[in-house]
N, C-alpha and C. Protein backbone atom coordinates (compact mmCIF):
# COMPACT_ATOMS: atom_id res chain seq x y z
N MET A 1 192.69 -79.73 220.02
CA MET A 1 192.27 -79.66 221.42
C MET A 1 191.78 -78.26 221.72
N PRO A 2 190.58 -78.11 222.33
CA PRO A 2 190.00 -76.77 222.50
C PRO A 2 190.69 -75.90 223.51
N LEU A 3 191.35 -76.46 224.52
CA LEU A 3 192.01 -75.63 225.50
C LEU A 3 193.48 -75.45 225.12
N THR A 4 193.92 -74.20 225.12
CA THR A 4 195.31 -73.89 224.88
C THR A 4 196.04 -73.92 226.21
N GLY A 5 197.20 -74.57 226.22
CA GLY A 5 197.99 -74.60 227.44
C GLY A 5 197.85 -75.88 228.22
N LYS A 6 198.64 -75.98 229.29
CA LYS A 6 198.68 -77.19 230.11
C LYS A 6 198.29 -76.96 231.57
N GLY A 7 198.18 -75.70 231.98
CA GLY A 7 197.84 -75.41 233.34
C GLY A 7 196.57 -74.60 233.47
N MET A 8 195.88 -74.73 234.59
CA MET A 8 194.68 -73.93 234.83
C MET A 8 194.53 -73.61 236.31
N LEU A 9 194.28 -72.35 236.59
CA LEU A 9 193.89 -71.90 237.92
C LEU A 9 192.38 -71.69 237.92
N ILE A 10 191.72 -72.32 238.87
CA ILE A 10 190.28 -72.17 239.05
C ILE A 10 190.04 -71.46 240.37
N THR A 11 189.26 -70.39 240.32
CA THR A 11 188.85 -69.72 241.57
C THR A 11 187.34 -69.55 241.57
N SER A 12 186.79 -69.60 242.76
CA SER A 12 185.35 -69.42 242.90
C SER A 12 185.07 -68.83 244.28
N MET A 13 184.08 -67.95 244.35
CA MET A 13 183.80 -67.29 245.62
C MET A 13 182.41 -66.67 245.65
N ASP A 14 181.95 -66.41 246.85
CA ASP A 14 180.77 -65.56 247.08
C ASP A 14 181.25 -64.23 247.64
N VAL A 15 180.42 -63.21 247.51
CA VAL A 15 180.68 -61.90 248.05
C VAL A 15 179.36 -61.34 248.60
N ASP A 16 179.41 -60.68 249.73
CA ASP A 16 178.19 -60.08 250.26
C ASP A 16 177.58 -59.14 249.26
N ALA A 17 176.26 -59.11 249.21
CA ALA A 17 175.55 -58.30 248.20
C ALA A 17 175.96 -56.81 248.22
N ALA A 18 176.20 -56.30 249.41
CA ALA A 18 176.57 -54.89 249.52
C ALA A 18 177.93 -54.59 248.90
N ASP A 19 178.79 -55.62 248.81
CA ASP A 19 180.12 -55.43 248.27
C ASP A 19 180.24 -55.79 246.77
N GLU A 20 179.19 -56.37 246.21
CA GLU A 20 179.28 -56.85 244.84
C GLU A 20 179.57 -55.77 243.80
N PRO A 21 178.95 -54.59 243.88
CA PRO A 21 179.25 -53.58 242.84
C PRO A 21 180.74 -53.27 242.72
N GLU A 22 181.38 -53.00 243.85
CA GLU A 22 182.82 -52.70 243.79
C GLU A 22 183.64 -53.93 243.41
N PHE A 23 183.25 -55.09 243.94
CA PHE A 23 183.93 -56.34 243.61
C PHE A 23 183.95 -56.59 242.09
N ASN A 24 182.82 -56.39 241.45
CA ASN A 24 182.73 -56.63 240.01
C ASN A 24 183.53 -55.61 239.19
N ILE A 25 183.52 -54.36 239.62
CA ILE A 25 184.33 -53.35 238.93
C ILE A 25 185.81 -53.68 239.06
N TRP A 26 186.23 -54.06 240.28
CA TRP A 26 187.62 -54.44 240.50
C TRP A 26 188.01 -55.62 239.61
N TYR A 27 187.17 -56.64 239.60
CA TYR A 27 187.47 -57.84 238.81
C TYR A 27 187.60 -57.50 237.32
N ASP A 28 186.68 -56.65 236.85
CA ASP A 28 186.62 -56.36 235.42
C ASP A 28 187.62 -55.30 234.97
N ARG A 29 187.99 -54.40 235.86
CA ARG A 29 188.87 -53.28 235.46
C ARG A 29 190.31 -53.47 235.87
N GLU A 30 190.57 -54.33 236.85
CA GLU A 30 191.95 -54.51 237.30
C GLU A 30 192.40 -55.97 237.30
N HIS A 31 191.63 -56.80 237.98
CA HIS A 31 192.16 -58.12 238.35
C HIS A 31 192.43 -59.02 237.14
N LEU A 32 191.47 -59.17 236.23
CA LEU A 32 191.69 -60.07 235.11
C LEU A 32 192.88 -59.64 234.26
N ALA A 33 192.95 -58.36 233.92
CA ALA A 33 194.07 -57.89 233.10
C ALA A 33 195.39 -58.06 233.81
N GLU A 34 195.40 -57.83 235.11
CA GLU A 34 196.63 -58.00 235.88
C GLU A 34 197.13 -59.43 235.84
N ARG A 35 196.23 -60.38 235.95
CA ARG A 35 196.62 -61.78 235.93
C ARG A 35 197.01 -62.25 234.53
N VAL A 36 196.24 -61.87 233.53
CA VAL A 36 196.54 -62.31 232.17
C VAL A 36 197.88 -61.76 231.67
N ALA A 37 198.29 -60.62 232.23
CA ALA A 37 199.55 -59.99 231.83
C ALA A 37 200.77 -60.75 232.35
N ILE A 38 200.61 -61.65 233.33
CA ILE A 38 201.73 -62.38 233.89
C ILE A 38 202.31 -63.32 232.84
N ASP A 39 203.64 -63.42 232.79
CA ASP A 39 204.30 -64.33 231.85
C ASP A 39 203.77 -65.75 232.02
N GLY A 40 203.38 -66.35 230.91
CA GLY A 40 202.87 -67.72 230.90
C GLY A 40 201.36 -67.80 230.96
N PHE A 41 200.68 -66.78 231.46
CA PHE A 41 199.23 -66.77 231.48
C PHE A 41 198.71 -66.43 230.09
N LEU A 42 197.70 -67.17 229.64
CA LEU A 42 197.19 -67.03 228.29
C LEU A 42 195.85 -66.31 228.22
N GLU A 43 194.95 -66.63 229.14
CA GLU A 43 193.61 -66.03 229.10
C GLU A 43 192.91 -66.25 230.43
N ALA A 44 191.82 -65.51 230.63
CA ALA A 44 190.95 -65.71 231.78
C ALA A 44 189.51 -65.67 231.29
N ARG A 45 188.67 -66.50 231.89
CA ARG A 45 187.24 -66.52 231.56
C ARG A 45 186.46 -66.39 232.87
N ARG A 46 185.51 -65.47 232.90
CA ARG A 46 184.77 -65.17 234.13
C ARG A 46 183.30 -65.57 233.97
N TRP A 47 182.78 -66.26 234.99
CA TRP A 47 181.44 -66.83 234.92
C TRP A 47 180.62 -66.42 236.15
N ILE A 48 179.29 -66.48 235.98
CA ILE A 48 178.35 -66.24 237.08
C ILE A 48 177.36 -67.39 237.13
N ALA A 49 176.92 -67.74 238.35
CA ALA A 49 176.12 -68.95 238.55
C ALA A 49 174.79 -68.89 237.82
N ASP A 50 174.45 -70.01 237.21
CA ASP A 50 173.09 -70.29 236.77
C ASP A 50 172.43 -71.10 237.87
N GLN A 51 172.95 -72.29 238.11
CA GLN A 51 172.54 -73.10 239.25
C GLN A 51 173.82 -73.67 239.86
N ALA A 52 174.44 -72.93 240.77
CA ALA A 52 175.73 -73.34 241.32
C ALA A 52 176.06 -72.54 242.57
N ASN A 53 176.96 -73.08 243.35
CA ASN A 53 177.60 -72.39 244.47
C ASN A 53 179.08 -72.74 244.45
N PRO A 54 179.94 -71.76 244.70
CA PRO A 54 179.68 -70.34 244.91
C PRO A 54 179.16 -69.61 243.64
N LYS A 55 178.84 -68.33 243.80
CA LYS A 55 178.20 -67.58 242.74
C LYS A 55 179.14 -67.24 241.59
N TYR A 56 180.39 -66.90 241.89
CA TYR A 56 181.33 -66.46 240.86
C TYR A 56 182.39 -67.52 240.63
N PHE A 57 182.76 -67.70 239.37
CA PHE A 57 183.68 -68.76 238.98
C PHE A 57 184.60 -68.19 237.88
N CYS A 58 185.90 -68.48 237.99
CA CYS A 58 186.84 -67.94 237.01
C CYS A 58 187.90 -68.99 236.70
N THR A 59 188.30 -69.08 235.42
CA THR A 59 189.37 -69.94 235.01
C THR A 59 190.46 -69.13 234.35
N TYR A 60 191.72 -69.48 234.66
CA TYR A 60 192.89 -68.83 234.09
C TYR A 60 193.76 -69.93 233.46
N SER A 61 193.97 -69.86 232.16
CA SER A 61 194.79 -70.85 231.47
C SER A 61 196.24 -70.37 231.36
N THR A 62 197.17 -71.32 231.51
CA THR A 62 198.60 -71.00 231.38
C THR A 62 199.24 -71.94 230.38
N ALA A 63 200.32 -71.47 229.78
CA ALA A 63 201.01 -72.26 228.76
C ALA A 63 201.54 -73.57 229.34
N ALA A 64 202.09 -73.51 230.54
CA ALA A 64 202.62 -74.69 231.22
C ALA A 64 202.10 -74.73 232.65
N PHE A 65 202.01 -75.93 233.19
CA PHE A 65 201.58 -76.04 234.59
C PHE A 65 202.53 -75.26 235.51
N GLU A 66 203.80 -75.28 235.18
CA GLU A 66 204.82 -74.62 236.00
C GLU A 66 204.61 -73.10 236.09
N ASP A 67 203.88 -72.53 235.16
CA ASP A 67 203.62 -71.09 235.21
C ASP A 67 202.79 -70.70 236.42
N LEU A 68 202.10 -71.68 237.01
CA LEU A 68 201.26 -71.43 238.17
C LEU A 68 202.03 -71.41 239.49
N SER A 69 203.32 -71.67 239.42
CA SER A 69 204.18 -71.53 240.59
C SER A 69 205.47 -70.78 240.22
N SER A 70 205.42 -70.03 239.13
CA SER A 70 206.61 -69.33 238.63
C SER A 70 206.97 -68.13 239.50
N PRO A 71 208.20 -67.65 239.42
CA PRO A 71 208.55 -66.42 240.14
C PRO A 71 207.68 -65.23 239.75
N ALA A 72 207.28 -65.15 238.48
CA ALA A 72 206.43 -64.03 238.05
C ALA A 72 205.07 -64.07 238.74
N TYR A 73 204.48 -65.27 238.87
CA TYR A 73 203.18 -65.38 239.53
C TYR A 73 203.33 -65.18 241.03
N GLN A 74 204.38 -65.72 241.61
CA GLN A 74 204.60 -65.53 243.05
C GLN A 74 204.81 -64.07 243.39
N GLN A 75 205.48 -63.34 242.51
CA GLN A 75 205.67 -61.91 242.72
C GLN A 75 204.34 -61.18 242.70
N ALA A 76 203.47 -61.58 241.76
CA ALA A 76 202.16 -60.93 241.68
C ALA A 76 201.33 -61.19 242.94
N LEU A 77 201.40 -62.41 243.45
CA LEU A 77 200.66 -62.74 244.66
C LEU A 77 201.20 -61.97 245.87
N ALA A 78 202.49 -61.76 245.89
CA ALA A 78 203.12 -61.08 247.04
C ALA A 78 203.00 -59.58 246.97
N ASN A 79 202.57 -59.05 245.85
CA ASN A 79 202.50 -57.60 245.68
C ASN A 79 201.12 -57.16 245.17
N GLN A 80 200.09 -57.61 245.89
CA GLN A 80 198.72 -57.23 245.52
C GLN A 80 198.53 -55.74 245.72
N THR A 81 197.73 -55.13 244.84
CA THR A 81 197.39 -53.74 245.04
C THR A 81 196.48 -53.59 246.24
N ASP A 82 196.37 -52.36 246.76
CA ASP A 82 195.46 -52.13 247.89
C ASP A 82 194.02 -52.46 247.51
N TRP A 83 193.66 -52.17 246.27
CA TRP A 83 192.31 -52.49 245.83
C TRP A 83 192.09 -54.01 245.82
N SER A 84 193.11 -54.75 245.38
CA SER A 84 193.02 -56.22 245.40
C SER A 84 192.89 -56.73 246.82
N LYS A 85 193.72 -56.25 247.72
CA LYS A 85 193.66 -56.70 249.11
C LYS A 85 192.29 -56.45 249.71
N LYS A 86 191.71 -55.31 249.41
CA LYS A 86 190.41 -54.95 249.94
C LYS A 86 189.35 -55.93 249.46
N ASN A 87 189.35 -56.24 248.17
CA ASN A 87 188.33 -57.12 247.61
C ASN A 87 188.57 -58.60 247.94
N ILE A 88 189.82 -59.03 247.94
CA ILE A 88 190.12 -60.41 248.31
C ILE A 88 189.68 -60.69 249.75
N SER A 89 189.81 -59.71 250.62
CA SER A 89 189.39 -59.91 252.02
C SER A 89 187.88 -60.11 252.13
N ARG A 90 187.14 -59.77 251.09
CA ARG A 90 185.68 -59.91 251.10
C ARG A 90 185.22 -61.28 250.57
N PHE A 91 186.13 -62.10 250.04
CA PHE A 91 185.75 -63.38 249.49
C PHE A 91 185.13 -64.25 250.59
N ARG A 92 184.06 -64.96 250.22
CA ARG A 92 183.44 -65.94 251.09
C ARG A 92 183.37 -67.28 250.35
N ASN A 93 183.49 -68.37 251.10
CA ASN A 93 183.37 -69.72 250.52
C ASN A 93 184.32 -69.92 249.34
N MET A 94 185.54 -69.43 249.50
CA MET A 94 186.46 -69.43 248.37
C MET A 94 186.98 -70.83 248.06
N ILE A 95 187.06 -71.12 246.76
CA ILE A 95 187.70 -72.33 246.24
C ILE A 95 188.84 -71.85 245.34
N ARG A 96 190.00 -72.46 245.51
CA ARG A 96 191.14 -72.12 244.65
C ARG A 96 191.87 -73.42 244.30
N ALA A 97 191.82 -73.80 243.04
CA ALA A 97 192.44 -75.04 242.57
C ALA A 97 193.48 -74.69 241.52
N VAL A 98 194.71 -75.15 241.77
CA VAL A 98 195.81 -75.02 240.82
C VAL A 98 196.03 -76.37 240.20
N GLY A 99 195.78 -76.47 238.88
CA GLY A 99 195.73 -77.81 238.30
C GLY A 99 196.38 -77.97 236.95
N ARG A 100 196.53 -79.23 236.59
CA ARG A 100 197.02 -79.63 235.27
C ARG A 100 195.83 -79.98 234.39
N ILE A 101 195.85 -79.52 233.15
CA ILE A 101 194.85 -79.92 232.19
C ILE A 101 195.32 -81.29 231.62
N THR A 102 194.64 -82.36 231.99
CA THR A 102 195.07 -83.70 231.60
C THR A 102 194.17 -84.36 230.58
N GLY A 103 193.13 -83.65 230.17
CA GLY A 103 192.24 -84.16 229.12
C GLY A 103 191.41 -83.03 228.56
N SER A 104 191.21 -83.02 227.26
CA SER A 104 190.39 -81.98 226.62
C SER A 104 189.94 -82.48 225.26
N ARG A 105 188.62 -82.56 225.08
CA ARG A 105 188.09 -83.11 223.82
C ARG A 105 186.97 -82.21 223.32
N GLY A 106 186.81 -82.20 222.01
CA GLY A 106 185.82 -81.37 221.37
C GLY A 106 186.48 -80.29 220.55
N GLN A 107 185.71 -79.33 220.14
CA GLN A 107 186.24 -78.23 219.32
C GLN A 107 185.58 -76.93 219.71
N GLY A 108 186.40 -75.97 220.17
CA GLY A 108 185.85 -74.69 220.56
C GLY A 108 185.30 -74.68 221.96
N ARG A 109 184.74 -73.54 222.32
CA ARG A 109 184.21 -73.35 223.67
C ARG A 109 182.88 -72.61 223.60
N GLY A 110 182.08 -72.76 224.64
CA GLY A 110 180.77 -72.15 224.65
C GLY A 110 180.61 -71.10 225.71
N ALA A 111 179.46 -70.45 225.75
CA ALA A 111 179.16 -69.41 226.73
C ALA A 111 178.38 -69.95 227.93
N ALA A 112 178.22 -71.28 227.98
CA ALA A 112 177.60 -71.94 229.13
C ALA A 112 178.60 -72.97 229.63
N LEU A 113 178.65 -73.16 230.95
CA LEU A 113 179.65 -74.02 231.55
C LEU A 113 179.05 -74.94 232.58
N GLY A 114 179.44 -76.20 232.53
CA GLY A 114 179.13 -77.13 233.59
C GLY A 114 180.39 -77.45 234.37
N VAL A 115 180.26 -77.59 235.69
CA VAL A 115 181.40 -77.92 236.55
C VAL A 115 181.03 -79.14 237.39
N VAL A 116 181.82 -80.20 237.26
CA VAL A 116 181.66 -81.39 238.06
C VAL A 116 182.92 -81.54 238.91
N ARG A 117 182.77 -81.48 240.21
CA ARG A 117 183.92 -81.60 241.12
C ARG A 117 183.99 -83.01 241.66
N LEU A 118 185.10 -83.69 241.42
CA LEU A 118 185.29 -85.08 241.80
C LEU A 118 186.38 -85.21 242.84
N ARG A 119 186.27 -86.19 243.72
CA ARG A 119 187.32 -86.46 244.70
C ARG A 119 187.84 -87.88 244.49
N PRO A 120 188.99 -88.00 243.83
CA PRO A 120 189.53 -89.33 243.55
C PRO A 120 190.06 -90.00 244.80
N ALA A 121 190.01 -91.31 244.81
CA ALA A 121 190.61 -92.07 245.89
C ALA A 121 192.14 -92.01 245.77
N ALA A 122 192.83 -92.36 246.83
CA ALA A 122 194.27 -92.31 246.82
C ALA A 122 194.88 -93.27 245.82
N GLU A 123 194.22 -94.41 245.61
CA GLU A 123 194.71 -95.41 244.67
C GLU A 123 193.83 -95.43 243.42
N GLY A 124 194.41 -95.87 242.33
CA GLY A 124 193.66 -96.07 241.09
C GLY A 124 193.46 -94.83 240.25
N LYS A 125 194.31 -93.82 240.41
CA LYS A 125 194.12 -92.59 239.67
C LYS A 125 194.37 -92.75 238.17
N ASP A 126 195.29 -93.62 237.81
CA ASP A 126 195.57 -93.83 236.40
C ASP A 126 194.34 -94.39 235.67
N ALA A 127 193.72 -95.38 236.29
CA ALA A 127 192.52 -95.98 235.68
C ALA A 127 191.36 -94.97 235.65
N LEU A 128 191.24 -94.17 236.71
CA LEU A 128 190.19 -93.16 236.76
C LEU A 128 190.41 -92.13 235.67
N ARG A 129 191.66 -91.68 235.50
CA ARG A 129 191.95 -90.71 234.45
C ARG A 129 191.60 -91.25 233.06
N ALA A 130 191.94 -92.49 232.82
CA ALA A 130 191.63 -93.09 231.51
C ALA A 130 190.13 -93.17 231.30
N ARG A 131 189.40 -93.52 232.33
CA ARG A 131 187.93 -93.61 232.23
C ARG A 131 187.33 -92.22 231.96
N ILE A 132 187.75 -91.23 232.68
CA ILE A 132 187.20 -89.89 232.48
C ILE A 132 187.54 -89.36 231.10
N ARG A 133 188.74 -89.61 230.64
CA ARG A 133 189.12 -89.14 229.29
C ARG A 133 188.18 -89.70 228.23
N GLU A 134 187.76 -90.94 228.40
CA GLU A 134 186.77 -91.50 227.48
C GLU A 134 185.44 -90.75 227.55
N LEU A 135 185.06 -90.37 228.77
CA LEU A 135 183.78 -89.67 228.96
C LEU A 135 183.80 -88.22 228.50
N LEU A 136 184.98 -87.68 228.17
CA LEU A 136 185.08 -86.29 227.71
C LEU A 136 184.62 -86.10 226.27
N ASP A 137 184.38 -87.18 225.58
CA ASP A 137 183.97 -87.08 224.17
C ASP A 137 182.58 -86.49 224.06
N PRO A 138 182.42 -85.30 223.43
CA PRO A 138 181.08 -84.70 223.33
C PRO A 138 180.19 -85.42 222.30
N GLY A 139 180.80 -86.21 221.42
CA GLY A 139 180.02 -86.89 220.38
C GLY A 139 179.15 -85.93 219.60
N ASN A 140 177.91 -86.31 219.41
CA ASN A 140 176.97 -85.46 218.68
C ASN A 140 175.91 -84.88 219.59
N LEU A 141 176.22 -84.74 220.87
CA LEU A 141 175.23 -84.21 221.81
C LEU A 141 174.91 -82.74 221.50
N ALA A 142 173.66 -82.44 221.33
CA ALA A 142 173.23 -81.06 221.08
C ALA A 142 173.53 -80.18 222.29
N GLY A 143 174.07 -79.00 222.05
CA GLY A 143 174.32 -78.05 223.11
C GLY A 143 175.61 -78.25 223.86
N ILE A 144 176.40 -79.26 223.49
CA ILE A 144 177.67 -79.58 224.16
C ILE A 144 178.79 -79.37 223.15
N ILE A 145 179.80 -78.56 223.52
CA ILE A 145 180.89 -78.21 222.62
C ILE A 145 182.17 -78.98 222.94
N SER A 146 182.60 -78.95 224.18
CA SER A 146 183.87 -79.59 224.55
C SER A 146 183.89 -79.87 226.05
N LEU A 147 184.74 -80.81 226.44
CA LEU A 147 184.85 -81.19 227.84
C LEU A 147 186.32 -81.31 228.22
N HIS A 148 186.64 -80.99 229.49
CA HIS A 148 188.03 -80.90 229.91
C HIS A 148 188.18 -81.46 231.32
N LEU A 149 189.35 -82.06 231.58
CA LEU A 149 189.67 -82.58 232.91
C LEU A 149 190.83 -81.78 233.47
N ILE A 150 190.65 -81.26 234.67
CA ILE A 150 191.70 -80.51 235.37
C ILE A 150 191.95 -81.24 236.70
N GLU A 151 193.21 -81.61 236.95
CA GLU A 151 193.59 -82.30 238.18
C GLU A 151 194.34 -81.33 239.09
N SER A 152 193.76 -81.05 240.25
CA SER A 152 194.37 -80.09 241.17
C SER A 152 195.65 -80.64 241.80
N ASP A 153 196.57 -79.73 242.04
CA ASP A 153 197.79 -80.05 242.76
C ASP A 153 197.56 -79.76 244.24
N PRO A 154 197.62 -80.77 245.13
CA PRO A 154 197.28 -80.56 246.55
C PRO A 154 198.19 -79.54 247.24
N GLY A 155 199.44 -79.47 246.81
CA GLY A 155 200.35 -78.56 247.47
C GLY A 155 200.19 -77.12 247.10
N LEU A 156 199.70 -76.87 245.88
CA LEU A 156 199.55 -75.49 245.40
C LEU A 156 198.14 -74.93 245.57
N SER A 157 197.16 -75.82 245.76
CA SER A 157 195.76 -75.37 245.80
C SER A 157 195.39 -74.89 247.21
N LYS A 158 195.80 -73.64 247.49
CA LYS A 158 195.53 -73.04 248.79
C LYS A 158 194.71 -71.78 248.63
N SER A 159 193.82 -71.56 249.57
CA SER A 159 192.98 -70.37 249.56
C SER A 159 193.83 -69.11 249.76
N LEU A 160 193.45 -68.03 249.08
CA LEU A 160 194.12 -66.75 249.31
C LEU A 160 193.70 -66.12 250.62
N THR A 161 192.51 -66.47 251.11
CA THR A 161 192.00 -65.85 252.34
C THR A 161 192.34 -66.66 253.58
N GLU A 162 192.51 -68.00 253.43
CA GLU A 162 192.84 -68.86 254.57
C GLU A 162 193.90 -69.88 254.14
N PRO A 163 195.11 -69.41 253.78
CA PRO A 163 196.12 -70.32 253.22
C PRO A 163 196.62 -71.37 254.17
N ASP A 164 196.49 -71.17 255.47
CA ASP A 164 197.02 -72.11 256.45
C ASP A 164 195.96 -73.10 256.97
N GLN A 165 194.74 -72.97 256.51
CA GLN A 165 193.67 -73.87 256.96
C GLN A 165 193.70 -75.17 256.19
N PRO A 166 193.38 -76.29 256.84
CA PRO A 166 193.31 -77.57 256.13
C PRO A 166 192.30 -77.50 254.99
N ASN A 167 192.65 -78.14 253.88
CA ASN A 167 191.78 -78.10 252.71
C ASN A 167 191.61 -79.53 252.19
N PRO A 168 190.55 -80.21 252.62
CA PRO A 168 190.36 -81.61 252.20
C PRO A 168 190.12 -81.76 250.70
N GLY A 169 189.75 -80.67 250.03
CA GLY A 169 189.49 -80.73 248.60
C GLY A 169 190.64 -80.25 247.74
N ALA A 170 191.83 -80.12 248.33
CA ALA A 170 192.97 -79.56 247.58
C ALA A 170 193.38 -80.43 246.40
N GLY A 171 193.10 -81.73 246.47
CA GLY A 171 193.47 -82.64 245.39
C GLY A 171 192.30 -83.03 244.51
N ASP A 172 191.20 -82.31 244.59
CA ASP A 172 190.02 -82.66 243.77
C ASP A 172 190.29 -82.45 242.29
N TRP A 173 189.53 -83.17 241.48
CA TRP A 173 189.57 -83.01 240.03
C TRP A 173 188.28 -82.30 239.59
N TYR A 174 188.41 -81.57 238.48
CA TYR A 174 187.26 -80.84 237.92
C TYR A 174 187.06 -81.22 236.47
N VAL A 175 185.83 -81.55 236.15
CA VAL A 175 185.42 -81.68 234.75
C VAL A 175 184.68 -80.41 234.38
N LEU A 176 185.15 -79.74 233.34
CA LEU A 176 184.50 -78.54 232.84
C LEU A 176 183.83 -78.88 231.51
N ILE A 177 182.56 -78.50 231.39
CA ILE A 177 181.78 -78.80 230.20
C ILE A 177 181.41 -77.49 229.51
N ASP A 178 181.97 -77.23 228.35
CA ASP A 178 181.65 -76.04 227.57
C ASP A 178 180.47 -76.37 226.66
N GLY A 179 179.49 -75.45 226.62
CA GLY A 179 178.35 -75.70 225.77
C GLY A 179 177.60 -74.45 225.41
N THR A 180 176.50 -74.64 224.71
CA THR A 180 175.64 -73.54 224.29
C THR A 180 174.28 -73.58 224.96
N ASP A 181 173.97 -74.69 225.62
CA ASP A 181 172.63 -74.88 226.19
C ASP A 181 172.76 -75.34 227.63
N LEU A 182 172.28 -74.54 228.57
CA LEU A 182 172.42 -74.88 229.98
C LEU A 182 171.66 -76.12 230.36
N SER A 183 170.50 -76.36 229.78
CA SER A 183 169.74 -77.56 230.12
C SER A 183 170.47 -78.82 229.68
N ALA A 184 171.13 -78.77 228.53
CA ALA A 184 171.91 -79.91 228.07
C ALA A 184 173.08 -80.17 228.98
N ILE A 185 173.72 -79.10 229.45
CA ILE A 185 174.84 -79.24 230.37
C ILE A 185 174.38 -79.80 231.71
N ARG A 186 173.22 -79.35 232.22
CA ARG A 186 172.71 -79.88 233.47
C ARG A 186 172.49 -81.38 233.38
N ALA A 187 171.94 -81.82 232.26
CA ALA A 187 171.68 -83.25 232.08
C ALA A 187 172.98 -84.05 232.09
N LEU A 188 174.01 -83.51 231.45
CA LEU A 188 175.29 -84.20 231.40
C LEU A 188 175.96 -84.18 232.78
N ASN A 189 175.86 -83.07 233.48
CA ASN A 189 176.38 -82.97 234.85
C ASN A 189 175.82 -84.09 235.73
N ASP A 190 174.53 -84.30 235.62
CA ASP A 190 173.82 -85.22 236.51
C ASP A 190 174.01 -86.68 236.16
N ALA A 191 174.35 -86.96 234.90
CA ALA A 191 174.34 -88.35 234.46
C ALA A 191 175.71 -88.92 234.13
N ARG A 192 176.52 -88.21 233.39
CA ARG A 192 177.67 -88.85 232.78
C ARG A 192 178.77 -89.24 233.78
N PHE A 193 179.01 -88.45 234.81
CA PHE A 193 180.19 -88.66 235.64
C PHE A 193 179.89 -89.27 237.02
N LYS A 194 178.62 -89.58 237.29
CA LYS A 194 178.28 -90.08 238.61
C LYS A 194 178.85 -91.48 238.87
N ASP A 195 179.10 -92.25 237.81
CA ASP A 195 179.66 -93.59 237.95
C ASP A 195 181.06 -93.69 237.38
N ALA A 196 181.77 -92.56 237.32
CA ALA A 196 183.10 -92.56 236.71
C ALA A 196 184.12 -93.27 237.59
N GLY A 197 183.86 -93.39 238.90
CA GLY A 197 184.79 -94.04 239.79
C GLY A 197 185.37 -93.13 240.84
N ALA A 198 184.81 -91.92 240.97
CA ALA A 198 185.24 -90.99 242.01
C ALA A 198 184.01 -90.36 242.63
N GLU A 199 184.12 -89.96 243.88
CA GLU A 199 183.01 -89.30 244.58
C GLU A 199 182.71 -87.95 243.94
N VAL A 200 181.44 -87.71 243.62
CA VAL A 200 181.02 -86.41 243.08
C VAL A 200 180.76 -85.48 244.28
N ILE A 201 181.59 -84.45 244.41
CA ILE A 201 181.45 -83.51 245.53
C ILE A 201 180.36 -82.49 245.21
N SER A 202 180.34 -82.00 243.99
CA SER A 202 179.33 -81.00 243.62
C SER A 202 179.23 -80.90 242.11
N THR A 203 178.11 -80.39 241.66
CA THR A 203 177.95 -80.03 240.24
C THR A 203 177.29 -78.64 240.19
N GLY A 204 177.48 -77.96 239.07
CA GLY A 204 176.88 -76.64 238.92
C GLY A 204 176.96 -76.17 237.47
N THR A 205 176.18 -75.15 237.18
CA THR A 205 176.19 -74.55 235.84
C THR A 205 176.36 -73.04 235.96
N TYR A 206 177.09 -72.49 235.01
CA TYR A 206 177.43 -71.06 234.99
C TYR A 206 177.24 -70.47 233.61
N ARG A 207 177.02 -69.17 233.58
CA ARG A 207 176.93 -68.39 232.33
C ARG A 207 178.18 -67.52 232.22
N LEU A 208 178.71 -67.43 231.00
CA LEU A 208 179.91 -66.62 230.77
C LEU A 208 179.57 -65.13 230.93
N MET A 209 180.38 -64.43 231.73
CA MET A 209 180.28 -62.98 231.82
C MET A 209 181.14 -62.32 230.74
N TRP A 210 182.44 -62.68 230.72
CA TRP A 210 183.32 -62.23 229.64
C TRP A 210 184.65 -62.95 229.78
N ASP A 211 185.48 -62.81 228.75
CA ASP A 211 186.81 -63.41 228.81
C ASP A 211 187.85 -62.45 228.28
N LEU A 212 189.10 -62.69 228.64
CA LEU A 212 190.21 -61.81 228.27
C LEU A 212 191.38 -62.65 227.84
N ASN A 213 191.89 -62.42 226.64
CA ASN A 213 193.03 -63.12 226.08
C ASN A 213 194.25 -62.24 226.12
N LYS A 214 195.42 -62.86 226.16
CA LYS A 214 196.67 -62.11 226.18
C LYS A 214 196.73 -61.11 225.01
N CYS A 215 196.23 -61.49 223.85
CA CYS A 215 196.28 -60.61 222.69
C CYS A 215 195.37 -59.41 222.84
N ASP A 216 194.45 -59.42 223.84
CA ASP A 216 193.55 -58.29 224.04
C ASP A 216 194.21 -57.17 224.86
N LEU A 217 195.33 -57.46 225.49
CA LEU A 217 195.98 -56.48 226.35
C LEU A 217 196.72 -55.42 225.52
């Protein structure tokens, strides 16, 4: 299985152009290392939009889903540095999904990413999960490396900037498509999951900026 671990935090946001230089330095010099250092966190991967909104996208993998609500992670959230508070306050259009990795097929990961955001109905999730797991098979498709299903936890998926606001997408599911060719990923985004049995909220493609593994610290 290409993804290590059972939990994933997904964050995505826009930042005003005037704030982007400092935002990127903060993300690259403090934030990723700070998060990956938390017990249970394994790695972080940071992406920038090819054809997607919001512009910035990041995934954090954890050994267990429970690591995303652990005392160590809660302590980190409650004790943000001043630099973190400054930059987090600049987030726009933020998405924050705390989820379980419930499917992952293929071998390895690529530097191009497809994101398909799905909204499952209240009933029939077991059948939907089984159907999507079948669709995660990359087969022999050129430019496609691996595919993964992440199911958000509605109770934990709260924005850092507006934690008390209603979030109709808190229980959304995400299909992540790792690949080497953005055009191949776009084609898969547009075709494979539209009839999976859940409403497609959005699709997008991203390019890898960089990643950080626990062993790199």
